[in-house]
Amino acid sequence: MMVGIVGLGSYVPEQIVTNADLEKILDTTDGWIKSRSGITERRFARKDQATSDLAKIAAERALEDAHLSPNDIDLIIVGTNSPDMHYPATACLLQEMIGAKNAAAFDLQAGCPGWVYGVTVGAQFIQSGMYKNVLVVGAEVITRMMDNTDRGTYVLFGDGAGAAVLSTVEHGGFLSFELFADGSLAEYLTLPAGGSRKPFSKEVLKERSYFTKMDGQAVFRFSVREISRISKKVLEKAHVPLESVDWFVPHQANLRIIQSGAQELGIPMEKVVVTIDKYGNSSAASIPIALDKIYQEGKLKNGDNVLMVSFGAGMTSGAIIMEWSKCTPVRS
């Protein structure tokens, strides 16, 4: 029995924030941002939007694409680093919002690879026979975790959501998965305060440690190295040669990382999906948004081999190789 994607959907907020907009509040320039990241603009959620609101729109679009009702969903997994609140899980809020009354629900926090981790976990539930249809959402209002006085992080991120419905497929589907973590590198990318280690206090407010802290150079080195390593490993497990990859969908962290990773693998840029220039780094939402982009554009063809690779806080990484095959899902 093979498991694959039977429905896709995504959503980015309407508010566009350009580099020129950021020049007004930060010591930065359009040229500096483009040269460092490849980003020209990004999307910010409205003040009245939370992560679950973005997830709802993407999820409903994925369900519509799959021709399924919310009642057909057995499990909801939300990969996010910016939940609505510490608890309950954003997945539980989403379950109520879309009316998926038959679904179990939980959040998965694995840094930017959260959606890749979620798809990997969701597929195992289907392969085991426990569930038929699983909704996996990567959703972020990550810009609220960024310090608007820190040009090293604030210029990089954007908000958005992407969703996929997983089910059994007759042909193709997921060929192999690979997950990785190295907690010894945790300090590379953190949000130090707000948890049990460092609860909110006057000191936290003064030092602004309730915002994301990142060692950009260390993250860059890890990411380029890990793209190559984990991609080769997942392809080897699936017995798929690199030259047979039709689409490379990397996490949209930084254009230089994407280009360096593709070069390390020998994948030409015409096979690489890039959205970071328009959407910035939307963390766990970046890969499903990018995948949905080429799907909506009609570029994904049945039989295409799609390599998806993500990396992020933890440090973590994850990779999936799948043969694209849009099939009719199983109805409960």
Protein backbone atom coordinates (compact mmCIF):
# COMPACT_ATOMS: atom_id res chain seq x y z
CA MET A 1 0.00 0.00 0.00
CA MET A 2 1.38 3.40 -1.04
CA VAL A 3 0.56 6.70 0.59
CA GLY A 4 0.58 10.00 -1.25
CA ILE A 5 -0.87 13.49 -1.47
CA VAL A 6 -4.45 13.66 -2.76
CA GLY A 7 -5.14 17.33 -2.03
CA LEU A 8 -3.09 20.52 -1.75
CA GLY A 9 -3.88 24.04 -0.61
CA SER A 10 -2.04 27.14 0.55
CA TYR A 11 -2.64 30.68 1.71
CA VAL A 12 -0.49 33.75 2.19
CA PRO A 13 -1.81 36.92 3.82
CA GLU A 14 -2.73 39.83 1.59
CA GLN A 15 -0.41 42.39 3.23
CA ILE A 16 2.81 42.73 1.22
CA VAL A 17 5.83 44.14 3.06
CA THR A 18 8.58 45.23 0.68
CA ASN A 19 12.25 45.84 1.35
CA ALA A 20 11.51 49.54 0.90
CA ASP A 21 9.00 49.30 3.75
CA LEU A 22 11.67 47.77 6.00
CA GLU A 23 14.19 50.47 5.07
CA LYS A 24 11.93 52.90 6.93
CA ILE A 25 12.20 51.08 10.28
CA LEU A 26 15.57 49.28 10.13
CA ASP A 27 19.18 50.13 9.37
CA THR A 28 19.08 48.21 6.08
CA THR A 29 18.69 48.64 2.34
CA ASP A 30 16.91 46.85 -0.46
CA GLY A 31 20.28 45.92 -1.95
CA TRP A 32 21.60 44.50 1.33
CA ILE A 33 18.50 42.34 1.86
CA LYS A 34 18.50 41.03 -1.72
CA SER A 35 22.22 40.23 -1.69
CA ARG A 36 22.01 38.41 1.65
CA SER A 37 18.73 36.53 1.17
CA GLY A 38 17.24 36.97 -2.30
CA ILE A 39 14.06 38.40 -0.76
CA THR A 40 12.25 41.36 -2.32
CA GLU A 41 9.01 41.14 -0.33
CA ARG A 42 7.19 39.00 2.21
CA ARG A 43 3.66 38.63 3.62
CA PHE A 44 2.55 39.70 7.10
CA ALA A 45 -0.64 38.47 8.73
CA ARG A 46 -3.25 41.02 9.75
CA LYS A 47 -3.39 41.93 13.43
CA ASP A 48 -6.62 39.95 13.79
CA GLN A 49 -5.13 36.81 12.20
CA ALA A 50 -3.47 34.03 14.17
CA THR A 51 -1.78 30.87 12.92
CA SER A 52 -5.01 28.86 13.06
CA ASP A 53 -6.75 31.42 10.82
CA LEU A 54 -4.13 30.96 8.10
CA ALA A 55 -4.20 27.18 8.60
CA LYS A 56 -7.98 27.13 8.17
CA ILE A 57 -7.87 28.68 4.71
CA ALA A 58 -5.08 26.39 3.49
CA ALA A 59 -6.79 23.32 4.99
CA GLU A 60 -10.14 24.11 3.38
CA ARG A 61 -8.45 24.56 0.01
CA ALA A 62 -6.67 21.21 0.37
CA LEU A 63 -9.93 19.47 1.31
CA GLU A 64 -11.68 21.01 -1.68
CA ASP A 65 -8.85 19.86 -3.94
CA ALA A 66 -9.13 16.33 -2.51
CA HIS A 67 -12.95 16.36 -2.92
CA LEU A 68 -13.28 15.38 0.73
CA SER A 69 -15.42 16.77 3.52
CA PRO A 70 -13.97 17.62 6.95
CA ASN A 71 -15.76 14.54 8.33
CA ASP A 72 -13.57 12.34 6.11
CA ILE A 73 -10.43 13.41 7.97
CA ASP A 74 -9.20 11.01 10.67
CA LEU A 75 -6.21 12.99 11.95
CA ILE A 76 -4.96 16.58 11.81
CA ILE A 77 -1.28 17.38 12.31
CA VAL A 78 -0.14 21.00 12.42
CA GLY A 79 3.55 21.74 12.09
CA THR A 80 4.21 25.19 13.53
CA ASN A 81 6.70 27.25 15.51
CA SER A 82 4.20 30.04 16.15
CA PRO A 83 1.09 28.41 17.63
CA ASP A 84 -1.91 30.49 18.64
CA MET A 85 -0.98 29.77 22.27
CA HIS A 86 1.07 27.27 24.28
CA TYR A 87 -2.02 25.10 24.70
CA PRO A 88 -4.37 23.84 23.50
CA ALA A 89 -2.77 22.71 20.26
CA THR A 90 -3.42 24.80 17.18
CA ALA A 91 -4.48 21.53 15.52
CA CYS A 92 -7.36 21.25 17.99
CA LEU A 93 -8.43 24.81 17.24
CA LEU A 94 -8.25 24.01 13.53
CA GLN A 95 -10.32 20.86 14.00
CA GLU A 96 -13.16 22.96 15.40
CA MET A 97 -12.76 25.72 12.82
CA ILE A 98 -13.14 23.38 9.82
CA GLY A 99 -15.66 21.04 11.47
CA ALA A 100 -13.53 17.89 11.36
CA LYS A 101 -15.45 16.28 14.22
CA ASN A 102 -14.08 12.77 13.59
CA ALA A 103 -10.41 13.77 13.63
CA ALA A 104 -7.78 13.38 16.30
CA ALA A 105 -5.46 16.38 16.37
CA PHE A 106 -2.03 17.40 17.60
CA ASP A 107 0.75 19.91 16.91
CA LEU A 108 4.25 18.93 15.90
CA GLN A 109 7.16 21.26 16.68
CA ALA A 110 10.32 20.43 14.75
CA GLY A 111 11.51 23.83 13.60
CA CYS A 112 11.16 24.69 9.93
CA PRO A 113 10.94 20.98 8.94
CA GLY A 114 7.67 20.74 10.91
CA TRP A 115 5.54 20.03 7.82
CA VAL A 116 8.02 17.45 6.50
CA TYR A 117 8.05 15.76 9.91
CA GLY A 118 4.25 15.93 9.98
CA VAL A 119 3.88 14.30 6.56
CA THR A 120 6.32 11.57 7.59
CA VAL A 121 4.36 10.86 10.78
CA GLY A 122 0.97 11.09 9.08
CA ALA A 123 1.97 8.64 6.37
CA GLN A 124 2.91 6.05 9.01
CA PHE A 125 -0.59 6.25 10.53
CA ILE A 126 -2.08 5.47 7.12
CA GLN A 127 0.38 2.70 6.30
CA SER A 128 -0.32 1.06 9.65
CA GLY A 129 -4.03 0.95 8.81
CA MET A 130 -5.00 3.08 11.80
CA TYR A 131 -6.26 6.01 9.69
CA LYS A 132 -7.41 6.56 6.09
CA ASN A 133 -7.10 10.30 5.56
CA VAL A 134 -4.67 12.63 7.34
CA LEU A 135 -4.55 16.42 7.02
CA VAL A 136 -1.06 17.87 7.50
CA VAL A 137 -0.70 21.65 7.76
CA GLY A 138 2.37 23.83 8.02
CA ALA A 139 1.25 27.23 9.29
CA GLU A 140 3.05 30.23 10.72
CA VAL A 141 2.55 33.77 11.90
CA ILE A 142 6.27 33.68 12.50
CA THR A 143 6.83 37.41 12.02
CA ARG A 144 5.51 37.99 15.55
CA MET A 145 8.43 35.97 16.88
CA MET A 146 10.92 38.36 15.26
CA ASP A 147 12.56 41.49 16.70
CA ASN A 148 11.77 44.49 14.50
CA THR A 149 15.01 46.11 15.63
CA ASP A 150 17.16 43.17 14.42
CA ARG A 151 17.84 43.38 10.70
CA GLY A 152 19.52 39.96 10.78
CA THR A 153 16.21 38.19 11.40
CA TYR A 154 13.31 40.58 10.82
CA VAL A 155 13.94 40.97 7.08
CA LEU A 156 13.95 37.22 6.45
CA PHE A 157 10.57 35.96 7.58
CA GLY A 158 7.01 35.97 6.29
CA ASP A 159 3.69 34.44 7.29
CA GLY A 160 1.68 31.77 5.49
CA ALA A 161 0.18 28.29 5.52
CA GLY A 162 0.23 25.20 3.33
CA ALA A 163 -1.76 21.98 3.68
CA ALA A 164 -1.82 18.50 2.22
CA VAL A 165 -4.35 15.68 2.51
CA LEU A 166 -2.65 12.28 2.68
CA SER A 167 -4.35 9.04 1.69
CA THR A 168 -3.63 5.78 -0.09
CA VAL A 169 -2.82 6.08 -3.79
CA GLU A 170 -2.89 3.52 -6.59
CA HIS A 171 0.39 4.59 -8.14
CA GLY A 172 3.47 6.46 -6.98
CA GLY A 173 3.22 8.36 -3.72
CA PHE A 174 5.90 8.65 -1.05
CA LEU A 175 8.95 6.56 -1.89
CA SER A 176 11.12 7.29 1.15
CA PHE A 177 11.45 9.53 4.21
CA GLU A 178 14.45 10.67 6.23
CA LEU A 179 14.50 12.67 9.48
CA PHE A 180 17.47 14.00 11.47
CA ALA A 181 18.22 16.02 14.59
CA ASP A 182 21.35 17.25 16.36
CA GLY A 183 20.53 18.85 19.70
CA SER A 184 24.17 19.79 20.28
CA LEU A 185 23.59 22.60 17.77
CA ALA A 186 20.45 23.93 19.48
CA GLU A 187 21.96 27.33 20.22
CA TYR A 188 22.21 28.16 16.51
CA LEU A 189 18.54 29.14 16.36
CA THR A 190 16.40 29.73 19.44
CA LEU A 191 13.53 31.65 20.96
CA PRO A 192 14.99 31.74 24.48
CA ALA A 193 12.16 33.07 26.65
CA GLY A 194 8.53 32.26 27.27
CA GLY A 195 8.95 28.63 28.28
CA SER A 196 9.72 26.87 31.55
CA ARG A 197 13.46 27.53 31.26
CA LYS A 198 13.05 31.28 31.08
CA PRO A 199 9.50 32.45 31.84
CA PHE A 200 8.39 35.99 31.10
CA SER A 201 9.79 38.63 33.46
CA LYS A 202 10.97 42.23 33.49
CA GLU A 203 14.45 40.96 32.65
CA VAL A 204 13.12 39.09 29.61
CA LEU A 205 11.36 42.22 28.38
CA LYS A 206 14.48 44.32 28.89
CA GLU A 207 16.79 41.97 27.00
CA ARG A 208 14.18 41.17 24.30
CA SER A 209 14.83 37.44 24.66
CA TYR A 210 11.19 36.70 23.79
CA PHE A 211 12.25 37.15 20.13
CA THR A 212 14.13 34.76 17.85
CA LYS A 213 17.92 34.68 18.17
CA MET A 214 19.96 33.27 15.29
CA ASP A 215 23.61 32.64 14.47
CA GLY A 216 23.20 33.24 10.76
CA GLN A 217 26.59 31.95 9.63
CA ALA A 218 26.29 28.73 11.64
CA VAL A 219 22.77 28.12 10.30
CA PHE A 220 24.01 28.74 6.75
CA ARG A 221 26.84 26.21 7.06
CA PHE A 222 24.59 23.57 8.63
CA SER A 223 21.86 24.06 6.05
CA VAL A 224 24.03 23.73 2.94
CA ARG A 225 25.80 20.69 4.35
CA GLU A 226 22.55 19.07 5.47
CA ILE A 227 20.69 19.65 2.18
CA SER A 228 23.30 17.60 0.37
CA ARG A 229 23.67 14.87 3.00
CA ILE A 230 20.01 14.15 3.72
CA SER A 231 18.97 14.44 0.06
CA LYS A 232 21.48 11.80 -0.98
CA LYS A 233 20.39 9.56 1.89
CA VAL A 234 16.65 9.68 1.14
CA LEU A 235 17.27 9.13 -2.58
CA GLU A 236 19.55 6.18 -1.86
CA LYS A 237 16.88 4.57 0.34
CA ALA A 238 14.34 4.94 -2.47
CA HIS A 239 16.80 3.80 -5.17
CA VAL A 240 16.15 7.02 -7.10
CA PRO A 241 19.20 8.53 -8.86
CA LEU A 242 19.75 12.27 -8.54
CA GLU A 243 19.35 12.78 -12.27
CA SER A 244 15.82 11.32 -12.03
CA VAL A 245 14.65 14.15 -9.75
CA ASP A 246 12.20 16.32 -11.71
CA TRP A 247 11.49 18.90 -9.00
CA PHE A 248 13.58 20.01 -6.04
CA VAL A 249 11.47 21.77 -3.39
CA PRO A 250 13.80 23.03 -0.63
CA HIS A 251 12.88 24.97 2.49
CA GLN A 252 12.79 28.64 1.52
CA ALA A 253 15.24 29.95 4.11
CA ASN A 254 17.63 31.94 1.98
CA LEU A 255 18.27 32.05 -1.78
CA ARG A 256 22.01 31.59 -1.27
CA ILE A 257 21.36 28.43 0.76
CA ILE A 258 19.01 27.12 -1.93
CA GLN A 259 21.49 27.83 -4.72
CA SER A 260 24.44 26.37 -2.80
CA GLY A 261 22.47 23.24 -1.90
CA ALA A 262 21.34 22.70 -5.47
CA GLN A 263 24.89 23.20 -6.71
CA GLU A 264 26.23 20.67 -4.19
CA LEU A 265 23.71 18.13 -5.49
CA GLY A 266 24.21 19.00 -9.14
CA ILE A 267 20.54 19.91 -9.60
CA PRO A 268 20.01 22.66 -12.21
CA MET A 269 18.10 25.71 -10.99
CA GLU A 270 15.33 25.17 -13.58
CA LYS A 271 14.31 22.14 -11.48
CA VAL A 272 14.37 24.13 -8.21
CA VAL A 273 11.18 25.71 -6.86
CA VAL A 274 11.87 29.20 -5.47
CA THR A 275 9.30 31.32 -3.64
CA ILE A 276 11.50 33.11 -1.11
CA ASP A 277 11.77 36.21 -3.30
CA LYS A 278 8.03 36.89 -2.90
CA TYR A 279 7.14 35.23 0.42
CA GLY A 280 10.31 35.23 2.52
CA ASN A 281 10.97 32.39 4.95
CA SER A 282 7.58 31.11 6.13
CA SER A 283 9.22 28.41 8.28
CA ALA A 284 7.14 25.20 8.45
CA ALA A 285 4.80 26.54 5.77
CA SER A 286 7.43 27.16 3.11
CA ILE A 287 7.56 23.73 1.45
CA PRO A 288 3.79 23.13 1.14
CA ILE A 289 3.38 26.68 -0.19
CA ALA A 290 6.12 26.09 -2.78
CA LEU A 291 4.72 22.67 -3.72
CA ASP A 292 1.24 24.11 -4.15
CA LYS A 293 2.67 26.86 -6.36
CA ILE A 294 3.93 24.48 -9.05
CA TYR A 295 0.77 22.37 -8.65
CA GLN A 296 -1.48 25.38 -9.25
CA GLU A 297 0.66 26.41 -12.21
CA GLY A 298 0.10 23.00 -13.80
CA LYS A 299 3.78 22.11 -13.74
CA LEU A 300 3.46 18.94 -11.63
CA LYS A 301 2.86 15.93 -13.86
CA ASN A 302 1.95 12.38 -12.84
CA GLY A 303 5.15 10.38 -12.55
CA ASP A 304 7.33 13.37 -11.61
CA ASN A 305 9.87 12.65 -8.88
CA VAL A 306 9.69 15.43 -6.28
CA LEU A 307 12.44 15.87 -3.68
CA MET A 308 11.48 17.98 -0.64
CA VAL A 309 14.14 18.97 1.90
CA SER A 310 13.89 21.15 5.00
CA PHE A 311 16.16 22.21 7.86
CA GLY A 312 15.79 24.39 10.91
CA ALA A 313 15.87 24.91 14.67
CA GLY A 314 16.95 21.96 16.72
CA MET A 315 18.95 21.66 14.62
CA THR A 316 16.71 19.40 12.55
CA SER A 317 16.28 18.34 8.96
CA GLY A 318 13.91 16.20 6.97
CA ALA A 319 13.61 14.92 3.42
CA ILE A 320 10.92 13.19 1.37
CA ILE A 321 11.10 11.78 -2.14
CA MET A 322 7.76 11.13 -3.79
CA GLU A 323 6.42 10.20 -7.19
CA TRP A 324 3.63 12.65 -7.90
CA SER A 325 0.36 10.86 -8.59
CA LYS A 326 -2.91 12.70 -8.07
CA CYS A 327 -5.48 10.02 -7.21
CA THR A 328 -8.94 9.82 -5.69
CA PRO A 329 -8.73 9.57 -1.87
CA VAL A 330 -10.46 7.05 0.35
CA ARG A 331 -13.80 8.22 1.76
CA SER A 332 -14.62 7.28 5.34
